[in-house]
C-alpha atoms as a PDB file:
ATOM      1  CA  MET A   1     -39.086 -26.017  24.446  1.00  0.00           C
ATOM      2  CA  THR A   2     -39.059 -22.946  22.210  1.00  0.00           C
ATOM      3  CA  GLN A   3     -35.900 -21.678  23.920  1.00  0.00           C
ATOM      4  CA  ARG A   4     -34.167 -24.990  23.190  1.00  0.00           C
ATOM      5  CA  ILE A   5     -35.148 -24.892  19.483  1.00  0.00           C
ATOM      6  CA  VAL A   6     -33.859 -21.325  19.169  1.00  0.00           C
ATOM      7  CA  THR A   7     -30.596 -22.252  20.894  1.00  0.00           C
ATOM      8  CA  VAL A   8     -30.046 -25.297  18.680  1.00  0.00           C
ATOM      9  CA  THR A   9     -30.919 -23.287  15.554  1.00  0.00           C
ATOM     10  CA  VAL A  10     -28.458 -20.518  16.472  1.00  0.00           C
ATOM     11  CA  LEU A  11     -25.772 -23.114  17.196  1.00  0.00           C
ATOM     12  CA  VAL A  12     -26.324 -24.888  13.870  1.00  0.00           C
ATOM     13  CA  VAL A  13     -26.299 -21.603  11.912  1.00  0.00           C
ATOM     14  CA  THR A  14     -23.107 -20.527  13.699  1.00  0.00           C
ATOM     15  CA  LEU A  15     -21.374 -23.835  12.948  1.00  0.00           C
ATOM     16  CA  VAL A  16     -22.399 -23.711   9.292  1.00  0.00           C
ATOM     17  CA  ALA A  17     -21.162 -20.113   9.001  1.00  0.00           C
ATOM     18  CA  LEU A  18     -17.837 -20.997  10.636  1.00  0.00           C
ATOM     19  CA  TRP A  19     -17.415 -24.009   8.361  1.00  0.00           C
ATOM     20  CA  GLN A  20     -18.265 -21.924   5.284  1.00  0.00           C
ATOM     21  CA  PHE A  21     -15.999 -18.960   6.047  1.00  0.00           C
ATOM     22  CA  TRP A  22     -13.143 -20.546   8.015  1.00  0.00           C
ATOM     23  CA  PRO A  23      -9.904 -20.073   6.046  1.00  0.00           C
ATOM     24  CA  SER A  24      -9.218 -23.546   4.675  1.00  0.00           C
ATOM     25  CA  ASP A  25      -5.859 -24.367   3.119  1.00  0.00           C
ATOM     26  CA  GLU A  26      -7.436 -24.069  -0.312  1.00  0.00           C
ATOM     27  CA  ARG A  27      -8.754 -20.577   0.455  1.00  0.00           C
ATOM     28  CA  ARG A  28      -5.410 -19.519   1.916  1.00  0.00           C
ATOM     29  CA  ILE A  29      -3.633 -20.651  -1.250  1.00  0.00           C
ATOM     30  CA  GLN A  30      -6.168 -18.902  -3.484  1.00  0.00           C
ATOM     31  CA  HIS A  31      -5.679 -15.709  -1.469  1.00  0.00           C
ATOM     32  CA  LEU A  32      -1.886 -16.066  -1.733  1.00  0.00           C
ATOM     33  CA  VAL A  33      -2.075 -16.462  -5.520  1.00  0.00           C
ATOM     34  CA  GLN A  34      -4.278 -13.371  -5.868  1.00  0.00           C
ATOM     35  CA  GLU A  35      -2.057 -11.345  -3.539  1.00  0.00           C
ATOM     36  CA  MET A  36       1.065 -12.303  -5.508  1.00  0.00           C
ATOM     37  CA  ALA A  37      -0.597 -11.447  -8.843  1.00  0.00           C
ATOM     38  CA  ASP A  38      -1.682  -8.065  -7.472  1.00  0.00           C
ATOM     39  CA  ALA A  39       1.872  -7.387  -6.252  1.00  0.00           C
ATOM     40  CA  LEU A  40       3.258  -7.888  -9.767  1.00  0.00           C
ATOM     41  CA  GLN A  41       1.203  -5.092 -11.329  1.00  0.00           C
ATOM     42  CA  PRO A  42       3.310  -1.933 -11.597  1.00  0.00           C
ATOM     43  CA  ALA A  43       1.842   1.475 -10.844  1.00  0.00           C
ATOM     44  CA  SER A  44       2.650   4.510 -12.961  1.00  0.00           C
ATOM     45  CA  GLY A  45       4.954   7.037 -11.339  1.00  0.00           C
ATOM     46  CA  GLU A  46       5.960   4.536  -8.687  1.00  0.00           C
ATOM     47  CA  THR A  47       9.145   5.216  -6.739  1.00  0.00           C
ATOM     48  CA  ASP A  48      11.695   2.493  -6.030  1.00  0.00           C
ATOM     49  CA  LEU A  49      10.653   2.425  -2.379  1.00  0.00           C
ATOM     50  CA  ALA A  50       6.977   2.100  -3.304  1.00  0.00           C
ATOM     51  CA  ARG A  51       7.872  -0.719  -5.711  1.00  0.00           C
ATOM     52  CA  VAL A  52       9.686  -2.614  -2.955  1.00  0.00           C
ATOM     53  CA  GLY A  53       6.616  -2.250  -0.738  1.00  0.00           C
ATOM     54  CA  ARG A  54       4.273  -3.377  -3.516  1.00  0.00           C
ATOM     55  CA  LEU A  55       6.409  -6.464  -4.179  1.00  0.00           C
ATOM     56  CA  ALA A  56       6.662  -7.470  -0.501  1.00  0.00           C
ATOM     57  CA  PRO A  57       3.733  -9.947  -0.709  1.00  0.00           C
ATOM     58  CA  LEU A  58       5.475 -11.646  -3.629  1.00  0.00           C
ATOM     59  CA  GLY A  59       8.674 -12.101  -1.630  1.00  0.00           C
ATOM     60  CA  ARG A  60       6.773 -13.388   1.405  1.00  0.00           C
ATOM     61  CA  GLY A  61       5.022 -15.986  -0.737  1.00  0.00           C
ATOM     62  CA  LEU A  62       8.206 -17.526  -2.196  1.00  0.00           C
ATOM     63  CA  THR A  63      10.608 -19.950  -0.583  1.00  0.00           C
ATOM     64  CA  ALA A  64      14.289 -18.944  -0.602  1.00  0.00           C
ATOM     65  CA  ASP A  65      15.051 -21.673  -3.157  1.00  0.00           C
ATOM     66  CA  VAL A  66      12.015 -21.172  -5.423  1.00  0.00           C
ATOM     67  CA  VAL A  67      12.421 -22.314  -9.040  1.00  0.00           C
ATOM     68  CA  VAL A  68      10.627 -20.524 -11.876  1.00  0.00           C
ATOM     69  CA  GLU A  69      10.630 -22.438 -15.152  1.00  0.00           C
ATOM     70  CA  GLY A  70       9.715 -21.228 -18.607  1.00  0.00           C
ATOM     71  CA  PRO A  71      11.046 -18.726 -21.145  1.00  0.00           C
ATOM     72  CA  ALA A  72      12.697 -16.581 -18.439  1.00  0.00           C
ATOM     73  CA  PRO A  73      13.821 -19.085 -15.803  1.00  0.00           C
ATOM     74  CA  ALA A  74      14.882 -17.900 -12.363  1.00  0.00           C
ATOM     75  CA  ARG A  75      16.250 -19.616  -9.295  1.00  0.00           C
ATOM     76  CA  GLY A  76      15.898 -18.307  -5.788  1.00  0.00           C
ATOM     77  CA  ARG A  77      13.778 -15.598  -4.210  1.00  0.00           C
ATOM     78  CA  GLU A  78      16.363 -12.861  -4.818  1.00  0.00           C
ATOM     79  CA  GLN A  79      16.544 -13.522  -8.557  1.00  0.00           C
ATOM     80  CA  VAL A  80      12.755 -13.639  -8.878  1.00  0.00           C
ATOM     81  CA  MET A  81      12.439 -10.377  -6.960  1.00  0.00           C
ATOM     82  CA  ALA A  82      15.110  -8.747  -9.153  1.00  0.00           C
ATOM     83  CA  VAL A  83      13.128  -9.691 -12.266  1.00  0.00           C
ATOM     84  CA  ALA A  84       9.911  -8.422 -10.669  1.00  0.00           C
ATOM     85  CA  MET A  85      11.595  -5.097  -9.839  1.00  0.00           C
ATOM     86  CA  GLN A  86      12.272  -4.607 -13.568  1.00  0.00           C
ATOM     87  CA  LEU A  87       8.730  -5.355 -14.788  1.00  0.00           C
ATOM     88  CA  ARG A  88       7.772  -1.675 -14.925  1.00  0.00           C
ATOM     89  CA  ARG A  89      10.562  -0.996 -17.445  1.00  0.00           C
ATOM     90  CA  VAL A  90       9.661  -4.000 -19.591  1.00  0.00           C
ATOM     91  CA  ALA A  91       5.868  -3.653 -19.430  1.00  0.00           C
ATOM     92  CA  PRO A  92       4.789  -0.414 -17.746  1.00  0.00           C
ATOM     93  CA  GLN A  93       1.081  -1.012 -18.298  1.00  0.00           C
ATOM     94  CA  LEU A  94       1.061  -4.626 -17.208  1.00  0.00           C
ATOM     95  CA  SER A  95      -2.219  -6.100 -16.022  1.00  0.00           C
ATOM     96  CA  ILE A  96      -2.531  -9.565 -14.516  1.00  0.00           C
ATOM     97  CA  VAL A  97      -5.968 -10.983 -13.836  1.00  0.00           C
ATOM     98  CA  VAL A  98      -6.332 -14.321 -12.073  1.00  0.00           C
ATOM     99  CA  ARG A  99      -9.129 -16.125 -13.902  1.00  0.00           C
ATOM    100  CA  ASP A 100      -9.130 -19.452 -12.089  1.00  0.00           C
ATOM    101  CA  VAL A 101      -7.261 -21.212  -9.293  1.00  0.00           C
ATOM    102  CA  GLU A 102      -7.669 -24.948  -8.834  1.00  0.00           C
ATOM    103  CA  VAL A 103      -5.986 -26.146  -5.643  1.00  0.00           C
ATOM    104  CA  ARG A 104      -5.145 -29.724  -4.692  1.00  0.00           C
ATOM    105  CA  VAL A 105      -3.774 -30.157  -1.173  1.00  0.00           C
ATOM    106  CA  GLU A 106      -1.957 -33.395  -0.352  1.00  0.00           C
ATOM    107  CA  PRO A 107      -3.599 -35.539   2.348  1.00  0.00           C
ATOM    108  CA  ALA A 108      -0.820 -34.735   4.854  1.00  0.00           C
ATOM    109  CA  ARG A 109      -1.607 -31.008   4.273  1.00  0.00           C
ATOM    110  CA  MET A 110       2.104 -30.142   3.935  1.00  0.00           C
ATOM    111  CA  ALA A 111       2.243 -29.812   0.123  1.00  0.00           C
ATOM    112  CA  ALA A 112      -0.140 -28.561  -2.520  1.00  0.00           C
ATOM    113  CA  THR A 113      -0.420 -27.838  -6.221  1.00  0.00           C
ATOM    114  CA  ALA A 114      -2.316 -24.916  -7.696  1.00  0.00           C
ATOM    115  CA  LEU A 115      -3.231 -24.695 -11.369  1.00  0.00           C
ATOM    116  CA  VAL A 116      -3.647 -20.993 -12.056  1.00  0.00           C
ATOM    117  CA  THR A 117      -5.148 -19.489 -15.205  1.00  0.00           C
ATOM    118  CA  ILE A 118      -4.143 -15.875 -15.714  1.00  0.00           C
ATOM    119  CA  ALA A 119      -4.863 -13.237 -18.333  1.00  0.00           C
ATOM    120  CA  ILE A 120      -1.959 -10.872 -18.970  1.00  0.00           C
ATOM    121  CA  THR A 121      -2.126  -7.653 -20.981  1.00  0.00           C
ATOM    122  CA  GLY A 122       0.507  -5.021 -21.466  1.00  0.00           C
ATOM    123  CA  VAL A 123       2.249  -2.527 -23.685  1.00  0.00           C
ATOM    124  CA  THR A 124       5.930  -2.841 -24.569  1.00  0.00           C
ATOM    125  CA  PRO A 125       7.709   0.558 -24.499  1.00  0.00           C
ATOM    126  CA  GLY A 126       8.555   1.904 -27.943  1.00  0.00           C
ATOM    127  CA  THR A 127       5.879  -0.107 -29.731  1.00  0.00           C
ATOM    128  CA  THR A 128       2.389   0.695 -30.866  1.00  0.00           C
ATOM    129  CA  GLY A 129      -0.497  -1.375 -29.666  1.00  0.00           C
ATOM    130  CA  GLY A 130      -0.573  -3.812 -26.835  1.00  0.00           C
ATOM    131  CA  TRP A 131      -0.444  -7.523 -26.334  1.00  0.00           C
ATOM    132  CA  ASP A 132      -2.400 -10.045 -24.362  1.00  0.00           C
ATOM    133  CA  ASP A 133      -2.059 -13.644 -23.364  1.00  0.00           C
ATOM    134  CA  ILE A 134      -3.914 -16.246 -21.368  1.00  0.00           C
ATOM    135  CA  THR A 135      -1.704 -18.808 -19.753  1.00  0.00           C
ATOM    136  CA  GLU A 136      -1.858 -21.521 -17.177  1.00  0.00           C
ATOM    137  CA  LEU A 137       0.776 -22.004 -14.507  1.00  0.00           C
ATOM    138  CA  GLN A 138       1.399 -24.802 -12.069  1.00  0.00           C
ATOM    139  CA  LEU A 139       2.485 -23.643  -8.641  1.00  0.00           C
ATOM    140  CA  ASP A 140       3.930 -26.184  -6.253  1.00  0.00           C
ATOM    141  CA  LEU A 141       3.562 -25.105  -2.649  1.00  0.00           C
ATOM    142  CA  ALA A 142       4.899 -26.258   0.688  1.00  0.00           C
ATOM    143  CA  ARG A 143       3.650 -25.460   4.140  1.00  0.00           C
ATOM    144  CA  HIS A 144       6.257 -23.951   6.501  1.00  0.00           C
ATOM    145  CA  ASP A 145       5.209 -23.006  10.044  1.00  0.00           C
ATOM    146  CA  ASP A 146       1.533 -23.026   8.981  1.00  0.00           C
ATOM    147  CA  VAL A 147       2.246 -20.627   6.088  1.00  0.00           C
ATOM    148  CA  TRP A 148       1.909 -21.709   2.454  1.00  0.00           C
ATOM    149  CA  MET A 149       4.842 -20.754   0.208  1.00  0.00           C
ATOM    150  CA  VAL A 150       5.522 -21.316  -3.493  1.00  0.00           C
ATOM    151  CA  THR A 151       8.456 -23.641  -4.187  1.00  0.00           C
ATOM    152  CA  ARG A 152       8.146 -23.954  -7.984  1.00  0.00           C
ATOM    153  CA  VAL A 153       6.361 -22.201 -10.839  1.00  0.00           C
ATOM    154  CA  ALA A 154       6.089 -23.859 -14.241  1.00  0.00           C
ATOM    155  CA  PRO A 155       4.023 -23.108 -17.338  1.00  0.00           C
ATOM    156  CA  VAL A 156       1.423 -25.693 -18.315  1.00  0.00           C
ATOM    157  CA  ASP A 157       1.749 -26.460 -22.008  1.00  0.00           C
ATOM    158  CA  VAL A 158      -1.870 -27.566 -22.536  1.00  0.00           C
ATOM    159  CA  LEU A 159      -3.073 -24.068 -23.530  1.00  0.00           C
ATOM    160  CA  ARG A 160      -0.086 -23.463 -25.807  1.00  0.00           C
ATOM    161  CA  GLN A 161      -1.173 -26.015 -28.429  1.00  0.00           C
END
């Protein structure tokens, strides 16, 4: 009897642990968002080759026809990556911190939307002092071969008012 109780208890604990830590679509998307934000942060003294390596997670997370809306619109993975390659020149001390990610996955589990709140700080070369901003972005995602990829990025105007 005691052996059976122990076995059932271990089984229940194992199932609960698997359910809690199994990478759900929501967790995968949250991880993707964090990985892409980390890839955008330039390092001082970084070589071009190191920059390409740092930006690789960003490129992997974007579809070939991704659309970025906003003040600096971009179309396609190559254009987005070209802009990202230049971030160190524009804002060498850029810092991006993901504050919140709210993920909604469609019932068919092939599309999702992530509302991402980020805090951005930086210093523009040739100026004194820095700048900071908190903004919210909407990321539309699609699932391709069991991998989530960003298809569209658009600013959310709610925080701008």
